[in-house]
C-alpha atoms as a PDB file:
ATOM      1  CA  MET A   1      90.650  99.192  78.839  1.00  0.00           C
ATOM      2  CA  PHE A   2      91.341  96.504  81.421  1.00  0.00           C
ATOM      3  CA  LEU A   3      93.360  93.608  80.105  1.00  0.00           C
ATOM      4  CA  ASN A   4      92.708  91.749  83.362  1.00  0.00           C
ATOM      5  CA  PRO A   5      89.059  91.280  84.448  1.00  0.00           C
ATOM      6  CA  LEU A   6      89.689  92.069  88.118  1.00  0.00           C
ATOM      7  CA  ILE A   7      92.550  93.832  89.888  1.00  0.00           C
ATOM      8  CA  ILE A   8      93.176  94.970  93.454  1.00  0.00           C
ATOM      9  CA  GLY A   9      95.003  98.148  94.423  1.00  0.00           C
ATOM     10  CA  ILE A  10      96.584  97.886  97.887  1.00  0.00           C
ATOM     11  CA  ASP A  11      97.743 100.962  99.802  1.00  0.00           C
ATOM     12  CA  ILE A  12     100.065 100.097 102.704  1.00  0.00           C
ATOM     13  CA  GLY A  13     100.016 103.051 105.082  1.00  0.00           C
ATOM     14  CA  HIS A  14     101.397 103.740 108.537  1.00  0.00           C
ATOM     15  CA  HIS A  15      98.010 103.615 110.260  1.00  0.00           C
ATOM     16  CA  SER A  16      95.904 101.397 107.998  1.00  0.00           C
ATOM     17  CA  ILE A  17      95.963  99.229 104.893  1.00  0.00           C
ATOM     18  CA  LYS A  18      93.361  99.848 102.209  1.00  0.00           C
ATOM     19  CA  ALA A  19      92.275  97.853  99.172  1.00  0.00           C
ATOM     20  CA  VAL A  20      90.081  98.658  96.168  1.00  0.00           C
ATOM     21  CA  ALA A  21      89.055  96.008  93.628  1.00  0.00           C
ATOM     22  CA  LEU A  22      87.918  97.047  90.140  1.00  0.00           C
ATOM     23  CA  ARG A  23      86.668  95.060  87.176  1.00  0.00           C
ATOM     24  CA  GLN A  24      85.961  95.992  83.590  1.00  0.00           C
ATOM     25  CA  LYS A  25      82.244  96.157  82.799  1.00  0.00           C
ATOM     26  CA  LYS A  26      81.808  96.811  79.092  1.00  0.00           C
ATOM     27  CA  SER A  27      83.351 100.252  78.542  1.00  0.00           C
ATOM     28  CA  LYS A  28      83.260 101.273  82.204  1.00  0.00           C
ATOM     29  CA  LEU A  29      84.965 100.312  85.444  1.00  0.00           C
ATOM     30  CA  GLU A  30      82.954  98.653  88.182  1.00  0.00           C
ATOM     31  CA  LEU A  31      83.776  98.830  91.867  1.00  0.00           C
ATOM     32  CA  ALA A  32      83.857  95.206  93.012  1.00  0.00           C
ATOM     33  CA  ALA A  33      84.972  95.721  96.628  1.00  0.00           C
ATOM     34  CA  PHE A  34      86.792  98.033  98.992  1.00  0.00           C
ATOM     35  CA  ALA A  35      88.070  97.533 102.531  1.00  0.00           C
ATOM     36  CA  GLU A  36      90.305  99.065 105.180  1.00  0.00           C
ATOM     37  CA  VAL A  37      92.133  97.394 108.056  1.00  0.00           C
ATOM     38  CA  VAL A  38      93.129  99.812 110.815  1.00  0.00           C
ATOM     39  CA  LEU A  39      96.474  98.945 112.408  1.00  0.00           C
ATOM     40  CA  SER A  40      97.115  98.973 116.150  1.00  0.00           C
ATOM     41  CA  ALA A  41     100.761  99.800 115.373  1.00  0.00           C
ATOM     42  CA  SER A  42     102.470 100.866 112.167  1.00  0.00           C
ATOM     43  CA  VAL A  43     103.790  98.074 109.943  1.00  0.00           C
ATOM     44  CA  VAL A  44     106.141 100.508 108.172  1.00  0.00           C
ATOM     45  CA  ASN A  45     109.165 102.120 109.830  1.00  0.00           C
ATOM     46  CA  ASP A  46     110.949 105.347 108.935  1.00  0.00           C
ATOM     47  CA  GLN A  47     113.354 103.425 106.671  1.00  0.00           C
ATOM     48  CA  HIS A  48     110.350 102.103 104.675  1.00  0.00           C
ATOM     49  CA  SER A  49     110.898  98.518 105.861  1.00  0.00           C
ATOM     50  CA  VAL A  50     107.800  96.540 106.820  1.00  0.00           C
ATOM     51  CA  ASN A  51     106.939  94.300 109.739  1.00  0.00           C
ATOM     52  CA  ALA A  52     106.195  91.284 107.547  1.00  0.00           C
ATOM     53  CA  PRO A  53     104.174  89.182 110.061  1.00  0.00           C
ATOM     54  CA  ALA A  54     101.947  92.139 111.002  1.00  0.00           C
ATOM     55  CA  LEU A  55     101.523  93.103 107.346  1.00  0.00           C
ATOM     56  CA  LEU A  56     100.633  89.533 106.396  1.00  0.00           C
ATOM     57  CA  SER A  57      97.959  89.395 109.091  1.00  0.00           C
ATOM     58  CA  ALA A  58      96.405  92.651 107.853  1.00  0.00           C
ATOM     59  CA  VAL A  59      96.550  91.614 104.183  1.00  0.00           C
ATOM     60  CA  ARG A  60      94.812  88.318 104.958  1.00  0.00           C
ATOM     61  CA  LYS A  61      91.996  90.257 106.617  1.00  0.00           C
ATOM     62  CA  LEU A  62      91.751  92.506 103.562  1.00  0.00           C
ATOM     63  CA  LYS A  63      91.655  89.555 101.206  1.00  0.00           C
ATOM     64  CA  LYS A  64      88.567  88.175 102.936  1.00  0.00           C
ATOM     65  CA  ALA A  65      86.714  91.331 101.870  1.00  0.00           C
ATOM     66  CA  MET A  66      87.793  90.986  98.229  1.00  0.00           C
ATOM     67  CA  PRO A  67      85.928  88.980  95.558  1.00  0.00           C
ATOM     68  CA  ARG A  68      86.673  85.270  95.628  1.00  0.00           C
ATOM     69  CA  GLY A  69      89.449  84.347  93.232  1.00  0.00           C
ATOM     70  CA  ALA A  70      90.804  87.884  92.941  1.00  0.00           C
ATOM     71  CA  SER A  71      94.587  87.777  93.160  1.00  0.00           C
ATOM     72  CA  LYS A  72      96.175  90.282  90.769  1.00  0.00           C
ATOM     73  CA  THR A  73      97.380  93.246  92.789  1.00  0.00           C
ATOM     74  CA  VAL A  74      99.176  96.559  92.388  1.00  0.00           C
ATOM     75  CA  LEU A  75     100.915  98.254  95.295  1.00  0.00           C
ATOM     76  CA  ALA A  76     102.785 101.501  95.809  1.00  0.00           C
ATOM     77  CA  LEU A  77     106.005 102.682  97.377  1.00  0.00           C
ATOM     78  CA  PRO A  78     106.329 106.098  99.020  1.00  0.00           C
ATOM     79  CA  ASP A  79     108.153 108.502  96.725  1.00  0.00           C
ATOM     80  CA  SER A  80     110.739 109.041  99.466  1.00  0.00           C
ATOM     81  CA  ALA A  81     111.673 105.342  99.209  1.00  0.00           C
ATOM     82  CA  VAL A  82     112.455 105.629  95.494  1.00  0.00           C
ATOM     83  CA  ILE A  83     115.450 107.118  93.691  1.00  0.00           C
ATOM     84  CA  SER A  84     114.183 108.999  90.632  1.00  0.00           C
ATOM     85  CA  LYS A  85     116.372 110.610  87.998  1.00  0.00           C
ATOM     86  CA  VAL A  86     116.514 111.342  84.275  1.00  0.00           C
ATOM     87  CA  ILE A  87     119.689 110.422  82.395  1.00  0.00           C
ATOM     88  CA  GLN A  88     120.796 110.718  78.779  1.00  0.00           C
ATOM     89  CA  LEU A  89     121.679 107.465  77.001  1.00  0.00           C
ATOM     90  CA  ASP A  90     122.943 106.678  73.526  1.00  0.00           C
ATOM     91  CA  SER A  91     119.958 106.135  71.228  1.00  0.00           C
ATOM     92  CA  HIS A  92     121.357 102.920  69.763  1.00  0.00           C
ATOM     93  CA  LEU A  93     122.171 100.908  72.894  1.00  0.00           C
ATOM     94  CA  SER A  94     120.931  97.348  73.276  1.00  0.00           C
ATOM     95  CA  ASP A  95     118.841  96.481  76.345  1.00  0.00           C
ATOM     96  CA  ASP A  96     121.863  95.012  78.140  1.00  0.00           C
ATOM     97  CA  GLU A  97     124.016  98.018  77.262  1.00  0.00           C
ATOM     98  CA  ALA A  98     121.306 100.399  78.455  1.00  0.00           C
ATOM     99  CA  MET A  99     121.012  98.535  81.771  1.00  0.00           C
ATOM    100  CA  PHE A 100     124.777  98.707  82.257  1.00  0.00           C
ATOM    101  CA  ALA A 101     124.760 102.453  81.544  1.00  0.00           C
ATOM    102  CA  VAL A 102     121.889 102.990  83.991  1.00  0.00           C
ATOM    103  CA  GLU A 103     123.709 101.028  86.695  1.00  0.00           C
ATOM    104  CA  GLN A 104     126.837 103.095  86.123  1.00  0.00           C
ATOM    105  CA  ALA A 105     124.863 106.321  86.459  1.00  0.00           C
ATOM    106  CA  LEU A 106     123.149 105.121  89.641  1.00  0.00           C
ATOM    107  CA  SER A 107     126.363 103.895  91.234  1.00  0.00           C
ATOM    108  CA  ALA A 108     127.688 107.446  91.170  1.00  0.00           C
ATOM    109  CA  SER A 109     124.713 108.889  93.064  1.00  0.00           C
ATOM    110  CA  SER A 110     122.951 106.102  94.994  1.00  0.00           C
ATOM    111  CA  PRO A 111     123.649 105.726  98.723  1.00  0.00           C
ATOM    112  CA  PHE A 112     123.138 101.970  98.274  1.00  0.00           C
ATOM    113  CA  PRO A 113     125.194  99.404  96.325  1.00  0.00           C
ATOM    114  CA  ILE A 114     123.754  98.570  92.907  1.00  0.00           C
ATOM    115  CA  ASP A 115     123.213  94.908  93.808  1.00  0.00           C
ATOM    116  CA  GLU A 116     120.893  96.036  96.629  1.00  0.00           C
ATOM    117  CA  LEU A 117     118.576  97.900  94.237  1.00  0.00           C
ATOM    118  CA  ARG A 118     115.575  97.039  92.096  1.00  0.00           C
ATOM    119  CA  ILE A 119     115.820  99.160  88.938  1.00  0.00           C
ATOM    120  CA  ASP A 120     113.304 100.179  86.279  1.00  0.00           C
ATOM    121  CA  PHE A 121     113.822 102.592  83.385  1.00  0.00           C
ATOM    122  CA  PHE A 122     112.113 103.662  80.174  1.00  0.00           C
ATOM    123  CA  PRO A 123     112.663 106.252  77.404  1.00  0.00           C
ATOM    124  CA  LEU A 124     110.992 109.642  77.617  1.00  0.00           C
ATOM    125  CA  GLU A 125     109.551 111.628  74.752  1.00  0.00           C
ATOM    126  CA  SER A 126     112.254 114.137  73.890  1.00  0.00           C
ATOM    127  CA  GLY A 127     110.460 115.960  71.064  1.00  0.00           C
ATOM    128  CA  GLY A 128     112.075 117.202  67.874  1.00  0.00           C
ATOM    129  CA  PHE A 129     113.778 114.840  65.440  1.00  0.00           C
ATOM    130  CA  LYS A 130     114.388 112.018  67.857  1.00  0.00           C
ATOM    131  CA  GLU A 131     115.333 109.561  65.095  1.00  0.00           C
ATOM    132  CA  SER A 132     118.484 111.544  64.356  1.00  0.00           C
ATOM    133  CA  ALA A 133     119.290 112.461  67.968  1.00  0.00           C
ATOM    134  CA  PRO A 134     122.451 110.737  69.240  1.00  0.00           C
ATOM    135  CA  THR A 135     121.063 110.517  72.777  1.00  0.00           C
ATOM    136  CA  GLN A 136     117.666 110.090  74.384  1.00  0.00           C
ATOM    137  CA  PRO A 137     116.443 110.894  77.911  1.00  0.00           C
ATOM    138  CA  PHE A 138     115.495 107.935  80.096  1.00  0.00           C
ATOM    139  CA  GLN A 139     113.485 108.007  83.311  1.00  0.00           C
ATOM    140  CA  VAL A 140     115.139 105.823  85.938  1.00  0.00           C
ATOM    141  CA  PHE A 141     113.570 104.543  89.159  1.00  0.00           C
ATOM    142  CA  ALA A 142     115.360 102.499  91.802  1.00  0.00           C
ATOM    143  CA  ALA A 143     114.468 101.234  95.268  1.00  0.00           C
ATOM    144  CA  ARG A 144     116.116  98.956  97.781  1.00  0.00           C
ATOM    145  CA  ARG A 145     115.425  95.284  97.088  1.00  0.00           C
ATOM    146  CA  GLU A 146     114.419  94.781 100.705  1.00  0.00           C
ATOM    147  CA  THR A 147     111.853  97.584 100.452  1.00  0.00           C
ATOM    148  CA  VAL A 148     110.240  96.040  97.371  1.00  0.00           C
ATOM    149  CA  ASP A 149     110.679  92.339  98.096  1.00  0.00           C
ATOM    150  CA  SER A 150     109.386  92.437 101.677  1.00  0.00           C
ATOM    151  CA  ARG A 151     106.079  93.783 100.373  1.00  0.00           C
ATOM    152  CA  THR A 152     105.716  91.537  97.329  1.00  0.00           C
ATOM    153  CA  GLU A 153     106.730  88.388  99.224  1.00  0.00           C
ATOM    154  CA  THR A 154     104.172  89.149 101.935  1.00  0.00           C
ATOM    155  CA  LEU A 155     101.433  89.489  99.325  1.00  0.00           C
ATOM    156  CA  ARG A 156     102.451  86.181  97.774  1.00  0.00           C
ATOM    157  CA  LYS A 157     102.221  84.487 101.181  1.00  0.00           C
ATOM    158  CA  ALA A 158      98.630  85.753 101.293  1.00  0.00           C
ATOM    159  CA  ARG A 159      98.103  84.066  97.887  1.00  0.00           C
ATOM    160  CA  LEU A 160      97.975  87.340  96.020  1.00  0.00           C
ATOM    161  CA  SER A 161      99.895  88.052  92.838  1.00  0.00           C
ATOM    162  CA  PRO A 162     101.679  91.441  92.805  1.00  0.00           C
ATOM    163  CA  GLU A 163     101.780  92.567  89.173  1.00  0.00           C
ATOM    164  CA  VAL A 164     103.068  96.139  89.477  1.00  0.00           C
ATOM    165  CA  VAL A 165     104.937  98.189  92.083  1.00  0.00           C
ATOM    166  CA  GLU A 166     104.185 101.851  91.413  1.00  0.00           C
ATOM    167  CA  LEU A 167     105.079 105.208  92.950  1.00  0.00           C
ATOM    168  CA  GLN A 168     102.400 106.594  95.228  1.00  0.00           C
ATOM    169  CA  THR A 169     102.425 109.871  93.289  1.00  0.00           C
ATOM    170  CA  HIS A 170     101.696 108.041  90.051  1.00  0.00           C
ATOM    171  CA  ALA A 171      98.729 106.278  91.667  1.00  0.00           C
ATOM    172  CA  LEU A 172      97.246 109.638  92.650  1.00  0.00           C
ATOM    173  CA  LEU A 173      97.819 111.022  89.158  1.00  0.00           C
ATOM    174  CA  TRP A 174      96.148 108.003  87.533  1.00  0.00           C
ATOM    175  CA  LEU A 175      93.110 108.643  89.730  1.00  0.00           C
ATOM    176  CA  GLU A 176      93.228 112.368  88.958  1.00  0.00           C
ATOM    177  CA  GLN A 177      93.188 111.692  85.221  1.00  0.00           C
ATOM    178  CA  TYR A 178      90.303 109.241  85.577  1.00  0.00           C
ATOM    179  CA  THR A 179      88.321 111.638  87.810  1.00  0.00           C
ATOM    180  CA  ARG A 180      88.884 114.541  85.434  1.00  0.00           C
ATOM    181  CA  GLU A 181      87.625 112.460  82.507  1.00  0.00           C
ATOM    182  CA  GLN A 182      84.572 111.211  84.409  1.00  0.00           C
ATOM    183  CA  THR A 183      83.608 114.687  85.631  1.00  0.00           C
ATOM    184  CA  LYS A 184      84.509 116.369  82.321  1.00  0.00           C
ATOM    185  CA  THR A 185      86.779 118.797  84.168  1.00  0.00           C
ATOM    186  CA  ASP A 186      88.872 121.034  81.920  1.00  0.00           C
ATOM    187  CA  GLY A 187      92.372 122.334  82.476  1.00  0.00           C
ATOM    188  CA  LEU A 188      95.393 121.114  84.410  1.00  0.00           C
ATOM    189  CA  TRP A 189      94.650 119.930  87.936  1.00  0.00           C
ATOM    190  CA  GLY A 190      96.926 118.839  90.745  1.00  0.00           C
ATOM    191  CA  VAL A 191      96.278 116.579  93.733  1.00  0.00           C
ATOM    192  CA  ILE A 192      96.701 117.453  97.408  1.00  0.00           C
ATOM    193  CA  ASN A 193      96.731 114.167  99.339  1.00  0.00           C
ATOM    194  CA  ILE A 194      96.473 114.802 103.087  1.00  0.00           C
ATOM    195  CA  GLY A 195      97.602 112.012 105.376  1.00  0.00           C
ATOM    196  CA  ARG A 196      98.186 111.919 109.098  1.00  0.00           C
ATOM    197  CA  ARG A 197     101.932 112.478 108.976  1.00  0.00           C
ATOM    198  CA  CYS A 198     102.452 114.269 105.684  1.00  0.00           C
ATOM    199  CA  THR A 199     100.755 115.978 102.766  1.00  0.00           C
ATOM    200  CA  GLU A 200     101.662 115.370  99.127  1.00  0.00           C
ATOM    201  CA  PHE A 201     101.314 117.791  96.242  1.00  0.00           C
ATOM    202  CA  SER A 202     101.384 116.182  92.780  1.00  0.00           C
ATOM    203  CA  VAL A 203     100.677 117.398  89.262  1.00  0.00           C
ATOM    204  CA  LYS A 204     101.394 116.067  85.770  1.00  0.00           C
ATOM    205  CA  PRO A 205     101.810 118.815  83.137  1.00  0.00           C
ATOM    206  CA  GLN A 206     100.939 117.753  79.602  1.00  0.00           C
ATOM    207  CA  ASN A 207     103.973 116.163  77.906  1.00  0.00           C
ATOM    208  CA  GLY A 208     105.982 116.720  81.079  1.00  0.00           C
ATOM    209  CA  ALA A 209     107.267 114.660  83.985  1.00  0.00           C
ATOM    210  CA  ALA A 210     105.237 114.243  87.155  1.00  0.00           C
ATOM    211  CA  TYR A 211     105.932 116.953  89.733  1.00  0.00           C
ATOM    212  CA  HIS A 212     105.819 115.881  93.384  1.00  0.00           C
ATOM    213  CA  ARG A 213     106.546 117.506  96.714  1.00  0.00           C
ATOM    214  CA  GLU A 214     106.041 116.096 100.202  1.00  0.00           C
ATOM    215  CA  LEU A 215     105.278 118.330 103.185  1.00  0.00           C
ATOM    216  CA  ALA A 216     105.894 117.296 106.794  1.00  0.00           C
ATOM    217  CA  PHE A 217     102.361 118.345 107.683  1.00  0.00           C
ATOM    218  CA  GLY A 218      99.307 116.168 108.183  1.00  0.00           C
ATOM    219  CA  SER A 219      96.132 115.824 110.198  1.00  0.00           C
ATOM    220  CA  GLU A 220      98.190 115.023 113.310  1.00  0.00           C
ATOM    221  CA  SER A 221      99.706 118.506 113.169  1.00  0.00           C
ATOM    222  CA  LEU A 222      96.992 119.923 115.407  1.00  0.00           C
ATOM    223  CA  PRO A 223      95.941 118.746 118.886  1.00  0.00           C
ATOM    224  CA  GLY A 224      92.628 116.943 118.746  1.00  0.00           C
ATOM    225  CA  MET A 225      93.197 115.585 115.232  1.00  0.00           C
ATOM    226  CA  GLN A 226      94.664 112.231 116.325  1.00  0.00           C
ATOM    227  CA  GLN A 227      91.447 110.282 115.857  1.00  0.00           C
ATOM    228  CA  GLU A 228      91.400 106.608 115.010  1.00  0.00           C
ATOM    229  CA  GLY A 229      88.182 106.565 113.028  1.00  0.00           C
ATOM    230  CA  PRO A 230      87.083 108.378 109.893  1.00  0.00           C
ATOM    231  CA  SER A 231      84.418 110.471 111.608  1.00  0.00           C
ATOM    232  CA  VAL A 232      84.917 114.181 112.191  1.00  0.00           C
ATOM    233  CA  THR A 233      82.504 114.090 115.132  1.00  0.00           C
ATOM    234  CA  GLY A 234      83.996 116.063 117.992  1.00  0.00           C
ATOM    235  CA  VAL A 235      86.246 118.188 115.791  1.00  0.00           C
ATOM    236  CA  SER A 236      85.148 121.790 116.207  1.00  0.00           C
ATOM    237  CA  ALA A 237      84.532 124.172 113.328  1.00  0.00           C
ATOM    238  CA  GLU A 238      87.236 126.390 114.807  1.00  0.00           C
ATOM    239  CA  LEU A 239      89.766 123.550 114.634  1.00  0.00           C
ATOM    240  CA  VAL A 240      88.809 122.756 111.033  1.00  0.00           C
ATOM    241  CA  GLU A 241      89.218 126.423 110.135  1.00  0.00           C
ATOM    242  CA  GLN A 242      92.614 126.487 111.861  1.00  0.00           C
ATOM    243  CA  PHE A 243      93.748 123.334 110.066  1.00  0.00           C
ATOM    244  CA  THR A 244      92.634 124.756 106.716  1.00  0.00           C
ATOM    245  CA  LYS A 245      94.647 127.923 107.354  1.00  0.00           C
ATOM    246  CA  LEU A 246      97.764 125.935 108.302  1.00  0.00           C
ATOM    247  CA  LEU A 247      97.379 123.769 105.207  1.00  0.00           C
ATOM    248  CA  SER A 248      97.118 126.884 103.049  1.00  0.00           C
ATOM    249  CA  ASP A 249     100.254 128.354 104.617  1.00  0.00           C
ATOM    250  CA  ASN A 250     102.158 125.134 103.901  1.00  0.00           C
ATOM    251  CA  LEU A 251     100.903 124.886 100.322  1.00  0.00           C
ATOM    252  CA  LYS A 252     101.434 128.469  99.189  1.00  0.00           C
ATOM    253  CA  ARG A 253     105.207 128.117  99.007  1.00  0.00           C
ATOM    254  CA  GLN A 254     104.935 124.835  97.106  1.00  0.00           C
ATOM    255  CA  LEU A 255     102.531 126.318  94.565  1.00  0.00           C
ATOM    256  CA  GLN A 256     104.859 129.289  94.087  1.00  0.00           C
ATOM    257  CA  LEU A 257     107.784 126.938  93.444  1.00  0.00           C
ATOM    258  CA  TYR A 258     105.745 124.948  90.931  1.00  0.00           C
ATOM    259  CA  ASN A 259     104.578 128.066  89.086  1.00  0.00           C
ATOM    260  CA  SER A 260     108.115 129.447  88.905  1.00  0.00           C
ATOM    261  CA  THR A 261     109.469 126.239  87.350  1.00  0.00           C
ATOM    262  CA  HIS A 262     106.433 125.574  85.115  1.00  0.00           C
ATOM    263  CA  PRO A 263     105.357 129.020  83.843  1.00  0.00           C
ATOM    264  CA  ARG A 264     103.667 127.467  80.791  1.00  0.00           C
ATOM    265  CA  ALA A 265     101.730 124.829  82.742  1.00  0.00           C
ATOM    266  CA  ALA A 266      99.514 126.840  85.068  1.00  0.00           C
ATOM    267  CA  MET A 267      97.064 124.843  87.159  1.00  0.00           C
ATOM    268  CA  GLN A 268      93.352 125.454  86.994  1.00  0.00           C
ATOM    269  CA  GLY A 269      92.908 123.924  90.443  1.00  0.00           C
ATOM    270  CA  VAL A 270      93.638 121.074  92.818  1.00  0.00           C
ATOM    271  CA  TRP A 271      91.748 118.030  94.042  1.00  0.00           C
ATOM    272  CA  LEU A 272      91.740 117.228  97.764  1.00  0.00           C
ATOM    273  CA  SER A 273      92.174 113.583  98.742  1.00  0.00           C
ATOM    274  CA  GLY A 274      93.464 111.466 101.604  1.00  0.00           C
ATOM    275  CA  GLY A 275      92.078 110.765 105.052  1.00  0.00           C
ATOM    276  CA  GLY A 276      92.832 114.310 106.220  1.00  0.00           C
ATOM    277  CA  GLN A 277      90.694 115.875 103.497  1.00  0.00           C
ATOM    278  CA  GLN A 278      87.653 115.710 105.774  1.00  0.00           C
ATOM    279  CA  TYR A 279      89.216 118.330 108.049  1.00  0.00           C
ATOM    280  CA  VAL A 280      89.557 120.921 105.277  1.00  0.00           C
ATOM    281  CA  MET A 281      87.064 123.538 104.110  1.00  0.00           C
ATOM    282  CA  ALA A 282      87.609 123.321 100.360  1.00  0.00           C
ATOM    283  CA  GLU A 283      85.951 126.629  99.510  1.00  0.00           C
ATOM    284  CA  SER A 284      87.990 128.516 102.103  1.00  0.00           C
ATOM    285  CA  LEU A 285      91.207 126.839 100.974  1.00  0.00           C
ATOM    286  CA  GLY A 286      90.464 127.843  97.388  1.00  0.00           C
ATOM    287  CA  ARG A 287      90.088 131.493  98.399  1.00  0.00           C
ATOM    288  CA  MET A 288      93.342 131.394 100.361  1.00  0.00           C
ATOM    289  CA  LEU A 289      95.300 129.794  97.514  1.00  0.00           C
ATOM    290  CA  GLY A 290      93.636 131.714  94.704  1.00  0.00           C
ATOM    291  CA  ILE A 291      92.775 128.592  92.673  1.00  0.00           C
ATOM    292  CA  ASP A 292      89.835 126.224  92.341  1.00  0.00           C
ATOM    293  CA  VAL A 293      89.695 123.469  94.972  1.00  0.00           C
ATOM    294  CA  LYS A 294      87.485 120.398  94.645  1.00  0.00           C
ATOM    295  CA  VAL A 295      87.014 117.380  96.880  1.00  0.00           C
ATOM    296  CA  MET A 296      87.973 114.128  95.184  1.00  0.00           C
ATOM    297  CA  GLU A 297      85.586 111.230  95.781  1.00  0.00           C
ATOM    298  CA  PRO A 298      87.793 108.309  94.681  1.00  0.00           C
ATOM    299  CA  LEU A 299      85.070 105.636  94.705  1.00  0.00           C
ATOM    300  CA  SER A 300      82.217 107.644  93.194  1.00  0.00           C
ATOM    301  CA  GLY A 301      83.386 107.456  89.578  1.00  0.00           C
ATOM    302  CA  PHE A 302      82.825 103.720  89.176  1.00  0.00           C
ATOM    303  CA  GLU A 303      79.793 101.594  88.378  1.00  0.00           C
ATOM    304  CA  CYS A 304      78.528  99.933  91.549  1.00  0.00           C
ATOM    305  CA  ASN A 305      75.856  97.418  92.536  1.00  0.00           C
ATOM    306  CA  PRO A 306      73.132  98.622  94.951  1.00  0.00           C
ATOM    307  CA  LYS A 307      74.454  96.597  97.906  1.00  0.00           C
ATOM    308  CA  LEU A 308      77.944  98.056  97.630  1.00  0.00           C
ATOM    309  CA  SER A 309      76.575 101.507  96.837  1.00  0.00           C
ATOM    310  CA  SER A 310      74.766 101.553 100.185  1.00  0.00           C
ATOM    311  CA  GLN A 311      78.153 101.308 101.912  1.00  0.00           C
ATOM    312  CA  LEU A 312      79.444 104.487 100.245  1.00  0.00           C
ATOM    313  CA  ASN A 313      77.792 106.771 102.770  1.00  0.00           C
ATOM    314  CA  GLY A 314      80.791 108.113 104.652  1.00  0.00           C
ATOM    315  CA  PRO A 315      84.177 109.697 103.982  1.00  0.00           C
ATOM    316  CA  MET A 316      85.996 107.645 101.335  1.00  0.00           C
ATOM    317  CA  SER A 317      88.827 109.980 100.375  1.00  0.00           C
ATOM    318  CA  GLN A 318      91.330 107.756 102.182  1.00  0.00           C
ATOM    319  CA  TYR A 319      90.938 105.234  99.329  1.00  0.00           C
ATOM    320  CA  ALA A 320      92.510 107.555  96.736  1.00  0.00           C
ATOM    321  CA  VAL A 321      95.859 105.753  96.431  1.00  0.00           C
ATOM    322  CA  ALA A 322      94.293 102.280  96.390  1.00  0.00           C
ATOM    323  CA  ALA A 323      91.781 103.329  93.718  1.00  0.00           C
ATOM    324  CA  GLY A 324      94.526 104.869  91.592  1.00  0.00           C
ATOM    325  CA  LEU A 325      96.577 101.688  91.879  1.00  0.00           C
ATOM    326  CA  ALA A 326      93.646  99.563  90.726  1.00  0.00           C
ATOM    327  CA  ILE A 327      93.152 101.852  87.715  1.00  0.00           C
ATOM    328  CA  ARG A 328      96.878 101.625  86.994  1.00  0.00           C
ATOM    329  CA  GLY A 329      96.836  97.836  87.165  1.00  0.00           C
ATOM    330  CA  GLY A 330      94.088  97.570  84.625  1.00  0.00           C
ATOM    331  CA  SER A 331      95.916  99.727  82.107  1.00  0.00           C
ATOM    332  CA  GLN A 332      99.004  97.550  81.706  1.00  0.00           C
END
C-alpha cells in the first residue's frame, strides 16, 4: 500500500535517464506517467561519478513529463558502486554502539575512509531462538558520499525530493515480485536485465539474501547493435539469433554457480528485462538454458488511463529499473 499518493522512480543510466510515476488507486497501482531522455553523452563515468550540469538538464526535461506537483523520488545506485556485507553484531547494542561497530568493520575492508562513506544497515532474520542469541547478523551497505550526494543534490536542484536511494538489483527484484503477483506466476523466478554495456542476473530466494551477478556483456557486444533508438528495425534475425546464443553462453556459468550455492532454492525461470531484451528470442533462450524464460513488461501491470495506454505500443522493457524504484518508494 502506498503511503505517498504519487512517487517517481528515476533510473540514471549511461545512455539515457528514465522515469516512471505511480500513484495508489484504491487497492491497485496506477501508471501516472513515464518518460525517457536519451543522452548525447554519458552523464556517469566509470567511477560512478555524475556530470551534474548534464544530469540536471536531463532531469529537468524528465520532470516536465511528470504530473504537476510530483516531487517524491526514488533513485538507484549500480551494485558495483555499493559495498555490501553481512556482519555479526551483539544483540544488545544501542543504535550508536551498532553504528560504531559497523564503522569499525567497514574500516578494515573499505578502500575509502569511513568519513567519505554513506552507510546504511539493518538486522537480518537469523532464524532459531533469536531472543537468546548473543549476536545477530546485520546487512550493511555503504557508498561514497560523492556518489550519493551528487545525485540527490542534482534532483533537489530540479525541485524533486529524493526519498530513497536503493540498489539497482533491489529495484529489479521489487518489480519481479510485483509482476509475479500480478501474473499469478508460481515458483522462484530470477531477473535477467540486459543493458548496452552489461547484463545483470538477480534472484531473491525465500528467506534469503538477494543474489546478484553482473556480466560484462550487453547489446553493444555485437556489431550492428549500437542503435540509439528502441526499434529493432534493421537488426537481422541472424543477428538476434547470434546475440541470444552469446547471452546463453554467458548466463550458463552464472546459473551453474547459483545452483551450486543455493541447492534448495531452484529457480523455475527467469524474466527478461532491460533495453537489450528486444534482441533476445525468449523461447530459444529458454531451451538453451533449460528453464522457463518470460519477457517482463514493466509497465503493463498497472492501471492506466486510455490516453497513456495508447502510448504503450512499443518496447518498454527499458523502464524496468524505474518501475521497480517507484514500487519501492510507495512501500516505505
